[in-house]
Amino acid sequence: MHVTDQAIEELLDRRGKETPSMAWLADRLQYFVDLNPEFEIPTDRLATWLARLDDPDDE
């Protein structure tokens, strides 16, 4: 099991019953990058991937 898998499982265990909005997620991602600027590029990639997930031109 990857460390990421464990973190995702913890996220589901702790927050799985919540229904956050996209605005909430965007705020949390921005706050995370403000605290951890070294993760700006991976966070940008994740946000871009999520934004374009259903875009057939990006597959």
C-alpha atoms as a PDB file:
ATOM      1  CA  MET A   1       0.000   0.000   0.000  1.00  0.00           C
ATOM      2  CA  HIS A   2       1.306   3.426  -0.945  1.00  0.00           C
ATOM      3  CA  VAL A   3       1.480   6.242   1.577  1.00  0.00           C
ATOM      4  CA  THR A   4      -0.988   8.102  -0.649  1.00  0.00           C
ATOM      5  CA  ASP A   5      -3.446   5.216  -0.352  1.00  0.00           C
ATOM      6  CA  GLN A   6      -3.255   5.439   3.435  1.00  0.00           C
ATOM      7  CA  ALA A   7      -3.830   9.186   3.322  1.00  0.00           C
ATOM      8  CA  ILE A   8      -6.844   8.760   1.033  1.00  0.00           C
ATOM      9  CA  GLU A   9      -8.269   6.128   3.372  1.00  0.00           C
ATOM     10  CA  GLU A  10      -7.803   8.495   6.323  1.00  0.00           C
ATOM     11  CA  LEU A  11      -9.533  11.249   4.360  1.00  0.00           C
ATOM     12  CA  LEU A  12     -12.491   8.968   3.690  1.00  0.00           C
ATOM     13  CA  ASP A  13     -12.609   7.804   7.298  1.00  0.00           C
ATOM     14  CA  ARG A  14     -12.540  11.343   8.679  1.00  0.00           C
ATOM     15  CA  ARG A  15     -14.502  13.258   6.035  1.00  0.00           C
ATOM     16  CA  GLY A  16     -16.342  10.588   4.043  1.00  0.00           C
ATOM     17  CA  LYS A  17     -19.794  11.611   5.244  1.00  0.00           C
ATOM     18  CA  GLU A  18     -19.313  15.296   4.336  1.00  0.00           C
ATOM     19  CA  THR A  19     -20.315  16.879   1.043  1.00  0.00           C
ATOM     20  CA  PRO A  20     -17.862  19.732   0.486  1.00  0.00           C
ATOM     21  CA  SER A  21     -18.376  22.258  -2.273  1.00  0.00           C
ATOM     22  CA  MET A  22     -15.871  22.974  -5.018  1.00  0.00           C
ATOM     23  CA  ALA A  23     -15.385  26.412  -3.463  1.00  0.00           C
ATOM     24  CA  TRP A  24     -14.450  24.760  -0.153  1.00  0.00           C
ATOM     25  CA  LEU A  25     -12.007  22.429  -1.916  1.00  0.00           C
ATOM     26  CA  ALA A  26     -10.441  25.316  -3.844  1.00  0.00           C
ATOM     27  CA  ASP A  27     -10.041  27.290  -0.611  1.00  0.00           C
ATOM     28  CA  ARG A  28      -8.411  24.311   1.132  1.00  0.00           C
ATOM     29  CA  LEU A  29      -6.022  23.732  -1.783  1.00  0.00           C
ATOM     30  CA  GLN A  30      -5.029  27.406  -1.818  1.00  0.00           C
ATOM     31  CA  TYR A  31      -4.520  27.396   1.945  1.00  0.00           C
ATOM     32  CA  PHE A  32      -2.392  24.239   1.663  1.00  0.00           C
ATOM     33  CA  VAL A  33      -0.181  25.846  -0.991  1.00  0.00           C
ATOM     34  CA  ASP A  34       0.121  29.019   1.088  1.00  0.00           C
ATOM     35  CA  LEU A  35       1.425  26.901   3.976  1.00  0.00           C
ATOM     36  CA  ASN A  36       3.487  24.583   1.745  1.00  0.00           C
ATOM     37  CA  PRO A  37       4.699  26.520  -1.312  1.00  0.00           C
ATOM     38  CA  GLU A  38       6.987  23.639  -2.312  1.00  0.00           C
ATOM     39  CA  PHE A  39       3.823  21.686  -3.238  1.00  0.00           C
ATOM     40  CA  GLU A  40       2.489  24.362  -5.599  1.00  0.00           C
ATOM     41  CA  ILE A  41       3.220  22.416  -8.798  1.00  0.00           C
ATOM     42  CA  PRO A  42       1.695  19.069  -7.711  1.00  0.00           C
ATOM     43  CA  THR A  43      -1.332  20.901  -6.299  1.00  0.00           C
ATOM     44  CA  ASP A  44      -1.697  22.825  -9.555  1.00  0.00           C
ATOM     45  CA  ARG A  45      -1.541  19.564 -11.502  1.00  0.00           C
ATOM     46  CA  LEU A  46      -4.168  17.952  -9.272  1.00  0.00           C
ATOM     47  CA  ALA A  47      -6.499  20.954  -9.543  1.00  0.00           C
ATOM     48  CA  THR A  48      -6.075  21.072 -13.334  1.00  0.00           C
ATOM     49  CA  TRP A  49      -6.683  17.334 -13.631  1.00  0.00           C
ATOM     50  CA  LEU A  50      -9.840  17.571 -11.511  1.00  0.00           C
ATOM     51  CA  ALA A  51     -11.077  20.579 -13.489  1.00  0.00           C
ATOM     52  CA  ARG A  52     -10.632  18.802 -16.825  1.00  0.00           C
ATOM     53  CA  LEU A  53     -11.624  15.296 -15.731  1.00  0.00           C
ATOM     54  CA  ASP A  54     -14.684  15.096 -17.999  1.00  0.00           C
ATOM     55  CA  ASP A  55     -13.172  17.042 -20.915  1.00  0.00           C
ATOM     56  CA  PRO A  56     -12.780  14.666 -23.881  1.00  0.00           C
ATOM     57  CA  ASP A  57     -10.187  17.005 -25.467  1.00  0.00           C
ATOM     58  CA  ASP A  58      -7.781  16.360 -22.571  1.00  0.00           C
ATOM     59  CA  GLU A  59      -7.738  12.569 -22.730  1.00  0.00           C
END
